All heavy atoms as atom14 arrays in JSON, in Angstrom:
{
  "sequence": "RTAWLWHGLRAVLGRLRTGRHLEVARLRHLRIDGQAPF",
  "atom14_mask": [
    [1, 1, 1, 1, 1, 1, 1, 1, 1, 1, 1, 0, 0, 0],
    [1, 1, 1, 1, 1, 1, 1, 0, 0, 0, 0, 0, 0, 0],
    [1, 1, 1, 1, 1, 0, 0, 0, 0, 0, 0, 0, 0, 0],
    [1, 1, 1, 1, 1, 1, 1, 1, 1, 1, 1, 1, 1, 1],
    [1, 1, 1, 1, 1, 1, 1, 1, 0, 0, 0, 0, 0, 0],
    [1, 1, 1, 1, 1, 1, 1, 1, 1, 1, 1, 1, 1, 1],
    [1, 1, 1, 1, 1, 1, 1, 1, 1, 1, 0, 0, 0, 0],
    [1, 1, 1, 1, 0, 0, 0, 0, 0, 0, 0, 0, 0, 0],
    [1, 1, 1, 1, 1, 1, 1, 1, 0, 0, 0, 0, 0, 0],
    [1, 1, 1, 1, 1, 1, 1, 1, 1, 1, 1, 0, 0, 0],
    [1, 1, 1, 1, 1, 0, 0, 0, 0, 0, 0, 0, 0, 0],
    [1, 1, 1, 1, 1, 1, 1, 0, 0, 0, 0, 0, 0, 0],
    [1, 1, 1, 1, 1, 1, 1, 1, 0, 0, 0, 0, 0, 0],
    [1, 1, 1, 1, 0, 0, 0, 0, 0, 0, 0, 0, 0, 0],
    [1, 1, 1, 1, 1, 1, 1, 1, 1, 1, 1, 0, 0, 0],
    [1, 1, 1, 1, 1, 1, 1, 1, 0, 0, 0, 0, 0, 0],
    [1, 1, 1, 1, 1, 1, 1, 1, 1, 1, 1, 0, 0, 0],
    [1, 1, 1, 1, 1, 1, 1, 0, 0, 0, 0, 0, 0, 0],
    [1, 1, 1, 1, 0, 0, 0, 0, 0, 0, 0, 0, 0, 0],
    [1, 1, 1, 1, 1, 1, 1, 1, 1, 1, 1, 0, 0, 0],
    [1, 1, 1, 1, 1, 1, 1, 1, 1, 1, 0, 0, 0, 0],
    [1, 1, 1, 1, 1, 1, 1, 1, 0, 0, 0, 0, 0, 0],
    [1, 1, 1, 1, 1, 1, 1, 1, 1, 0, 0, 0, 0, 0],
    [1, 1, 1, 1, 1, 1, 1, 0, 0, 0, 0, 0, 0, 0],
    [1, 1, 1, 1, 1, 0, 0, 0, 0, 0, 0, 0, 0, 0],
    [1, 1, 1, 1, 1, 1, 1, 1, 1, 1, 1, 0, 0, 0],
    [1, 1, 1, 1, 1, 1, 1, 1, 0, 0, 0, 0, 0, 0],
    [1, 1, 1, 1, 1, 1, 1, 1, 1, 1, 1, 0, 0, 0],
    [1, 1, 1, 1, 1, 1, 1, 1, 1, 1, 0, 0, 0, 0],
    [1, 1, 1, 1, 1, 1, 1, 1, 0, 0, 0, 0, 0, 0],
    [1, 1, 1, 1, 1, 1, 1, 1, 1, 1, 1, 0, 0, 0],
    [1, 1, 1, 1, 1, 1, 1, 1, 0, 0, 0, 0, 0, 0],
    [1, 1, 1, 1, 1, 1, 1, 1, 0, 0, 0, 0, 0, 0],
    [1, 1, 1, 1, 0, 0, 0, 0, 0, 0, 0, 0, 0, 0],
    [1, 1, 1, 1, 1, 1, 1, 1, 1, 0, 0, 0, 0, 0],
    [1, 1, 1, 1, 1, 0, 0, 0, 0, 0, 0, 0, 0, 0],
    [1, 1, 1, 1, 1, 1, 1, 0, 0, 0, 0, 0, 0, 0],
    [1, 1, 1, 1, 1, 1, 1, 1, 1, 1, 1, 0, 0, 0]
  ],
  "atom14_positions": [
    [[-4.98, 6.96, 5.78], [-5.28, 7.97, 4.75], [-4.0, 8.6, 4.22], [-3.9, 8.93, 3.04], [-6.18, 9.05, 5.34], [-7.57, 8.55, 5.6], [-8.46, 9.63, 6.13], [-9.77, 9.06, 6.41], [-10.62, 9.59, 7.22], [-10.34, 10.7, 7.85], [-11.8, 9.01, 7.41], [0.0, 0.0, 0.0], [0.0, 0.0, 0.0], [0.0, 0.0, 0.0]],
    [[-3.01, 8.75, 5.08], [-1.73, 9.32, 4.66], [-1.06, 8.43, 3.61], [-0.55, 8.92, 2.59], [-0.79, 9.5, 5.87], [-1.46, 10.31, 6.84], [0.51, 10.16, 5.46], [0.0, 0.0, 0.0], [0.0, 0.0, 0.0], [0.0, 0.0, 0.0], [0.0, 0.0, 0.0], [0.0, 0.0, 0.0], [0.0, 0.0, 0.0], [0.0, 0.0, 0.0]],
    [[-1.08, 7.12, 3.82], [-0.48, 6.2, 2.86], [-1.23, 6.25, 1.53], [-0.62, 6.24, 0.45], [-0.47, 4.78, 3.42], [0.0, 0.0, 0.0], [0.0, 0.0, 0.0], [0.0, 0.0, 0.0], [0.0, 0.0, 0.0], [0.0, 0.0, 0.0], [0.0, 0.0, 0.0], [0.0, 0.0, 0.0], [0.0, 0.0, 0.0], [0.0, 0.0, 0.0]],
    [[-2.57, 6.33, 1.58], [-3.35, 6.43, 0.35], [-3.05, 7.73, -0.39], [-2.91, 7.73, -1.62], [-4.85, 6.31, 0.64], [-5.29, 4.91, 0.78], [-5.67, 4.27, 1.92], [-5.4, 3.93, -0.27], [-6.0, 2.96, 1.65], [-5.86, 2.73, 0.32], [-5.15, 3.96, -1.63], [-6.07, 1.57, -0.42], [-5.37, 2.8, -2.37], [-5.82, 1.63, -1.76]],
    [[-2.94, 8.82, 0.35], [-2.63, 10.11, -0.27], [-1.25, 10.07, -0.94], [-1.09, 10.51, -2.07], [-2.68, 11.22, 0.79], [-2.39, 12.62, 0.29], [-3.43, 13.06, -0.74], [-2.36, 13.6, 1.45], [0.0, 0.0, 0.0], [0.0, 0.0, 0.0], [0.0, 0.0, 0.0], [0.0, 0.0, 0.0], [0.0, 0.0, 0.0], [0.0, 0.0, 0.0]],
    [[-0.28, 9.51, -0.25], [1.08, 9.39, -0.78], [1.08, 8.55, -2.06], [1.68, 8.92, -3.07], [2.0, 8.79, 0.28], [3.38, 8.5, -0.21], [3.95, 7.29, -0.35], [4.35, 9.45, -0.64], [5.23, 7.42, -0.84], [5.5, 8.73, -1.02], [4.37, 10.84, -0.75], [6.65, 9.35, -1.51], [5.52, 11.46, -1.23], [6.64, 10.72, -1.6]],
    [[0.41, 7.4, -2.04], [0.39, 6.54, -3.22], [-0.41, 7.17, -4.36], [-0.08, 6.99, -5.53], [-0.13, 5.15, -2.86], [0.93, 4.29, -2.27], [1.36, 4.43, -0.97], [1.68, 3.3, -2.8], [2.31, 3.56, -0.73], [2.53, 2.87, -1.82], [0.0, 0.0, 0.0], [0.0, 0.0, 0.0], [0.0, 0.0, 0.0], [0.0, 0.0, 0.0]],
    [[-1.46, 7.9, -4.05], [-2.21, 8.61, -5.08], [-1.37, 9.67, -5.77], [-1.39, 9.81, -6.99], [0.0, 0.0, 0.0], [0.0, 0.0, 0.0], [0.0, 0.0, 0.0], [0.0, 0.0, 0.0], [0.0, 0.0, 0.0], [0.0, 0.0, 0.0], [0.0, 0.0, 0.0], [0.0, 0.0, 0.0], [0.0, 0.0, 0.0], [0.0, 0.0, 0.0]],
    [[-0.59, 10.4, -4.99], [0.31, 11.4, -5.55], [1.37, 10.74, -6.43], [1.66, 11.21, -7.53], [0.98, 12.21, -4.42], [1.98, 13.26, -4.85], [1.33, 14.31, -5.73], [2.63, 13.9, -3.64], [0.0, 0.0, 0.0], [0.0, 0.0, 0.0], [0.0, 0.0, 0.0], [0.0, 0.0, 0.0], [0.0, 0.0, 0.0], [0.0, 0.0, 0.0]],
    [[1.93, 9.64, -5.96], [2.92, 8.91, -6.75], [2.3, 8.43, -8.08], [2.95, 8.46, -9.11], [3.48, 7.73, -5.97], [4.38, 8.15, -4.82], [4.9, 6.93, -4.1], [5.74, 6.16, -4.99], [7.05, 6.05, -4.9], [7.67, 6.66, -3.93], [7.74, 5.33, -5.76], [0.0, 0.0, 0.0], [0.0, 0.0, 0.0], [0.0, 0.0, 0.0]],
    [[1.03, 7.98, -8.04], [0.36, 7.52, -9.26], [0.17, 8.66, -10.25], [0.39, 8.5, -11.46], [-0.97, 6.87, -8.92], [0.0, 0.0, 0.0], [0.0, 0.0, 0.0], [0.0, 0.0, 0.0], [0.0, 0.0, 0.0], [0.0, 0.0, 0.0], [0.0, 0.0, 0.0], [0.0, 0.0, 0.0], [0.0, 0.0, 0.0], [0.0, 0.0, 0.0]],
    [[-0.22, 9.84, -9.76], [-0.41, 11.0, -10.63], [0.92, 11.39, -11.29], [0.96, 11.77, -12.46], [-1.01, 12.18, -9.85], [-0.95, 13.48, -10.65], [-2.45, 11.87, -9.46], [0.0, 0.0, 0.0], [0.0, 0.0, 0.0], [0.0, 0.0, 0.0], [0.0, 0.0, 0.0], [0.0, 0.0, 0.0], [0.0, 0.0, 0.0], [0.0, 0.0, 0.0]],
    [[2.01, 11.26, -10.54], [3.33, 11.61, -11.06], [3.97, 10.49, -11.87], [5.07, 10.64, -12.38], [4.26, 11.99, -9.9], [3.85, 13.24, -9.12], [4.75, 13.42, -7.9], [3.86, 14.47, -10.02], [0.0, 0.0, 0.0], [0.0, 0.0, 0.0], [0.0, 0.0, 0.0], [0.0, 0.0, 0.0], [0.0, 0.0, 0.0], [0.0, 0.0, 0.0]],
    [[3.28, 9.34, -11.99], [3.8, 8.22, -12.75], [4.9, 7.48, -12.02], [5.74, 6.83, -12.65], [0.0, 0.0, 0.0], [0.0, 0.0, 0.0], [0.0, 0.0, 0.0], [0.0, 0.0, 0.0], [0.0, 0.0, 0.0], [0.0, 0.0, 0.0], [0.0, 0.0, 0.0], [0.0, 0.0, 0.0], [0.0, 0.0, 0.0], [0.0, 0.0, 0.0]],
    [[4.92, 7.55, -10.69], [5.98, 6.94, -9.9], [5.47, 5.88, -8.92], [6.13, 5.56, -7.94], [6.75, 8.01, -9.14], [7.43, 9.0, -10.05], [8.24, 9.99, -9.27], [8.87, 10.97, -10.13], [10.06, 10.82, -10.66], [10.76, 9.74, -10.46], [10.58, 11.77, -11.42], [0.0, 0.0, 0.0], [0.0, 0.0, 0.0], [0.0, 0.0, 0.0]],
    [[4.31, 5.34, -9.19], [3.77, 4.27, -8.35], [4.55, 2.99, -8.63], [4.69, 2.6, -9.79], [2.28, 4.08, -8.65], [1.5, 3.17, -7.73], [1.49, 3.7, -6.3], [0.06, 3.05, -8.22], [0.0, 0.0, 0.0], [0.0, 0.0, 0.0], [0.0, 0.0, 0.0], [0.0, 0.0, 0.0], [0.0, 0.0, 0.0], [0.0, 0.0, 0.0]],
    [[5.07, 2.37, -7.6], [5.9, 1.18, -7.77], [5.44, 0.07, -6.84], [4.88, 0.32, -5.78], [7.37, 1.5, -7.45], [7.98, 2.58, -8.3], [8.23, 2.07, -9.73], [8.79, 3.12, -10.56], [8.11, 3.82, -11.45], [6.84, 3.61, -11.63], [8.69, 4.74, -12.17], [0.0, 0.0, 0.0], [0.0, 0.0, 0.0], [0.0, 0.0, 0.0]],
    [[5.73, -1.16, -7.24], [5.43, -2.3, -6.39], [6.37, -2.28, -5.18], [7.46, -1.73, -5.22], [5.59, -3.61, -7.15], [6.92, -3.7, -7.66], [4.59, -3.71, -8.29], [0.0, 0.0, 0.0], [0.0, 0.0, 0.0], [0.0, 0.0, 0.0], [0.0, 0.0, 0.0], [0.0, 0.0, 0.0], [0.0, 0.0, 0.0], [0.0, 0.0, 0.0]],
    [[5.9, -2.9, -4.11], [6.66, -2.95, -2.86], [5.78, -3.55, -1.78], [4.82, -4.27, -2.09], [0.0, 0.0, 0.0], [0.0, 0.0, 0.0], [0.0, 0.0, 0.0], [0.0, 0.0, 0.0], [0.0, 0.0, 0.0], [0.0, 0.0, 0.0], [0.0, 0.0, 0.0], [0.0, 0.0, 0.0], [0.0, 0.0, 0.0], [0.0, 0.0, 0.0]],
    [[6.04, -3.22, -0.53], [5.28, -3.85, 0.56], [3.82, -3.42, 0.59], [2.98, -4.13, 1.11], [5.95, -3.6, 1.9], [5.95, -2.17, 2.37], [6.72, -2.03, 3.67], [6.78, -0.65, 4.07], [6.14, -0.17, 5.12], [5.45, -0.95, 5.89], [6.21, 1.12, 5.4], [0.0, 0.0, 0.0], [0.0, 0.0, 0.0], [0.0, 0.0, 0.0]],
    [[3.5, -2.25, 0.01], [2.11, -1.78, -0.01], [1.38, -2.09, -1.31], [0.17, -1.87, -1.41], [2.05, -0.28, 0.24], [2.44, 0.12, 1.62], [1.7, -0.22, 2.72], [3.5, 0.83, 2.06], [2.29, 0.26, 3.78], [3.4, 0.89, 3.43], [0.0, 0.0, 0.0], [0.0, 0.0, 0.0], [0.0, 0.0, 0.0], [0.0, 0.0, 0.0]],
    [[2.09, -2.56, -2.33], [1.46, -2.8, -3.63], [2.11, -3.99, -4.32], [3.33, -4.04, -4.45], [1.61, -1.55, -4.52], [1.18, -1.7, -5.97], [-0.3, -2.02, -6.08], [1.52, -0.44, -6.75], [0.0, 0.0, 0.0], [0.0, 0.0, 0.0], [0.0, 0.0, 0.0], [0.0, 0.0, 0.0], [0.0, 0.0, 0.0], [0.0, 0.0, 0.0]],
    [[1.27, -4.91, -4.76], [1.71, -6.01, -5.62], [0.88, -5.97, -6.89], [-0.29, -5.6, -6.86], [1.53, -7.36, -4.92], [2.46, -7.51, -3.73], [2.54, -8.94, -3.27], [2.91, -9.81, -4.09], [2.24, -9.17, -2.1], [0.0, 0.0, 0.0], [0.0, 0.0, 0.0], [0.0, 0.0, 0.0], [0.0, 0.0, 0.0], [0.0, 0.0, 0.0]],
    [[1.5, -6.34, -8.0], [0.83, -6.33, -9.3], [0.96, -7.71, -9.92], [2.01, -8.34, -9.86], [1.46, -5.27, -10.23], [0.79, -5.29, -11.6], [1.37, -3.88, -9.63], [0.0, 0.0, 0.0], [0.0, 0.0, 0.0], [0.0, 0.0, 0.0], [0.0, 0.0, 0.0], [0.0, 0.0, 0.0], [0.0, 0.0, 0.0], [0.0, 0.0, 0.0]],
    [[-0.15, -8.2, -10.51], [-0.14, -9.49, -11.19], [-0.91, -9.36, -12.5], [-1.83, -8.56, -12.61], [-0.76, -10.57, -10.31], [0.0, 0.0, 0.0], [0.0, 0.0, 0.0], [0.0, 0.0, 0.0], [0.0, 0.0, 0.0], [0.0, 0.0, 0.0], [0.0, 0.0, 0.0], [0.0, 0.0, 0.0], [0.0, 0.0, 0.0], [0.0, 0.0, 0.0]],
    [[-0.52, -10.18, -13.48], [-1.26, -10.3, -14.75], [-1.95, -11.64, -14.73], [-1.31, -12.68, -14.57], [-0.31, -10.23, -15.93], [0.27, -8.89, -16.16], [1.11, -8.92, -17.41], [1.77, -7.66, -17.59], [2.65, -7.43, -18.52], [2.99, -8.39, -19.37], [3.22, -6.25, -18.64], [0.0, 0.0, 0.0], [0.0, 0.0, 0.0], [0.0, 0.0, 0.0]],
    [[-3.27, -11.62, -14.91], [-4.06, -12.84, -14.78], [-5.14, -12.9, -15.83], [-5.5, -11.9, -16.44], [-4.72, -12.88, -13.39], [-3.81, -12.72, -12.18], [-4.63, -12.46, -10.94], [-2.97, -13.97, -12.01], [0.0, 0.0, 0.0], [0.0, 0.0, 0.0], [0.0, 0.0, 0.0], [0.0, 0.0, 0.0], [0.0, 0.0, 0.0], [0.0, 0.0, 0.0]],
    [[-5.7, -14.09, -16.01], [-6.89, -14.3, -16.85], [-8.14, -14.42, -15.99], [-9.22, -14.05, -16.42], [-6.74, -15.58, -17.68], [-5.67, -15.51, -18.71], [-6.19, -14.82, -19.91], [-5.18, -14.77, -20.94], [-5.41, -14.21, -22.1], [-6.58, -13.71, -22.36], [-4.47, -14.16, -22.99], [0.0, 0.0, 0.0], [0.0, 0.0, 0.0], [0.0, 0.0, 0.0]],
    [[-7.99, -14.97, -14.78], [-9.11, -15.15, -13.85], [-8.61, -14.98, -12.43], [-7.46, -15.31, -12.14], [-9.71, -16.56, -13.97], [-10.3, -16.83, -15.31], [-9.57, -17.38, -16.33], [-11.54, -16.6, -15.8], [-10.35, -17.49, -17.4], [-11.54, -17.02, -17.12], [0.0, 0.0, 0.0], [0.0, 0.0, 0.0], [0.0, 0.0, 0.0], [0.0, 0.0, 0.0]],
    [[-9.47, -14.49, -11.54], [-9.13, -14.37, -10.13], [-10.4, -14.39, -9.3], [-11.49, -14.15, -9.8], [-8.34, -13.09, -9.86], [-9.09, -11.77, -10.05], [-8.72, -10.81, -8.94], [-8.74, -11.18, -11.4], [0.0, 0.0, 0.0], [0.0, 0.0, 0.0], [0.0, 0.0, 0.0], [0.0, 0.0, 0.0], [0.0, 0.0, 0.0], [0.0, 0.0, 0.0]],
    [[-10.21, -14.7, -8.03], [-11.32, -14.65, -7.07], [-10.89, -13.72, -5.94], [-9.78, -13.82, -5.45], [-11.63, -16.03, -6.53], [-12.91, -16.05, -5.69], [-13.28, -17.43, -5.19], [-12.45, -17.77, -4.04], [-11.68, -18.84, -3.95], [-11.61, -19.7, -4.93], [-10.98, -19.06, -2.87], [0.0, 0.0, 0.0], [0.0, 0.0, 0.0], [0.0, 0.0, 0.0]],
    [[-11.79, -12.82, -5.55], [-11.55, -11.92, -4.44], [-12.46, -12.34, -3.31], [-13.69, -12.34, -3.47], [-11.8, -10.45, -4.84], [-10.91, -10.05, -6.01], [-11.57, -9.53, -3.63], [-11.2, -8.68, -6.58], [0.0, 0.0, 0.0], [0.0, 0.0, 0.0], [0.0, 0.0, 0.0], [0.0, 0.0, 0.0], [0.0, 0.0, 0.0], [0.0, 0.0, 0.0]],
    [[-11.88, -12.72, -2.19], [-12.63, -13.11, -1.0], [-12.54, -12.01, 0.05], [-11.58, -11.25, 0.09], [-12.06, -14.41, -0.4], [-12.39, -15.62, -1.26], [-13.45, -15.6, -1.93], [-11.58, -16.55, -1.28], [0.0, 0.0, 0.0], [0.0, 0.0, 0.0], [0.0, 0.0, 0.0], [0.0, 0.0, 0.0], [0.0, 0.0, 0.0], [0.0, 0.0, 0.0]],
    [[-13.55, -11.97, 0.92], [-13.64, -10.97, 1.96], [-14.93, -10.18, 1.77], [-15.64, -10.37, 0.78], [0.0, 0.0, 0.0], [0.0, 0.0, 0.0], [0.0, 0.0, 0.0], [0.0, 0.0, 0.0], [0.0, 0.0, 0.0], [0.0, 0.0, 0.0], [0.0, 0.0, 0.0], [0.0, 0.0, 0.0], [0.0, 0.0, 0.0], [0.0, 0.0, 0.0]],
    [[-15.23, -9.33, 2.7], [-16.45, -8.53, 2.63], [-16.12, -7.07, 2.35], [-15.52, -6.4, 3.17], [-17.22, -8.63, 3.95], [-17.82, -9.99, 4.2], [-18.91, -10.31, 3.19], [-19.8, -9.51, 2.97], [-18.82, -11.48, 2.59], [0.0, 0.0, 0.0], [0.0, 0.0, 0.0], [0.0, 0.0, 0.0], [0.0, 0.0, 0.0], [0.0, 0.0, 0.0]],
    [[-16.49, -6.61, 1.15], [-16.28, -5.21, 0.77], [-17.16, -4.9, -0.42], [-17.43, -5.76, -1.25], [-14.81, -4.96, 0.41], [0.0, 0.0, 0.0], [0.0, 0.0, 0.0], [0.0, 0.0, 0.0], [0.0, 0.0, 0.0], [0.0, 0.0, 0.0], [0.0, 0.0, 0.0], [0.0, 0.0, 0.0], [0.0, 0.0, 0.0], [0.0, 0.0, 0.0]],
    [[-17.63, -3.65, -0.53], [-18.37, -3.26, -1.73], [-17.4, -3.17, -2.9], [-16.21, -2.93, -2.73], [-18.93, -1.88, -1.37], [-18.04, -1.37, -0.3], [-17.51, -2.56, 0.44], [0.0, 0.0, 0.0], [0.0, 0.0, 0.0], [0.0, 0.0, 0.0], [0.0, 0.0, 0.0], [0.0, 0.0, 0.0], [0.0, 0.0, 0.0], [0.0, 0.0, 0.0]],
    [[-17.92, -3.38, -4.13], [-17.06, -3.2, -5.3], [-17.76, -2.32, -6.31], [-18.98, -2.15, -6.3], [-16.63, -4.54, -5.91], [-17.73, -5.37, -6.51], [-18.11, -5.18, -7.82], [-18.35, -6.35, -5.77], [-19.12, -5.95, -8.38], [-19.35, -7.13, -6.31], [-19.74, -6.94, -7.62], [0.0, 0.0, 0.0], [0.0, 0.0, 0.0], [0.0, 0.0, 0.0]]
  ]
}
């Protein structure tokens, strides 16, 4: 929860960056595997 809170604060301040906790990709199609609600 601490990591989520930190990243949420960074996003509000416009300082969210890619790194070991976040990767960003631009795609046309993707598949998400695993079990989770969406």
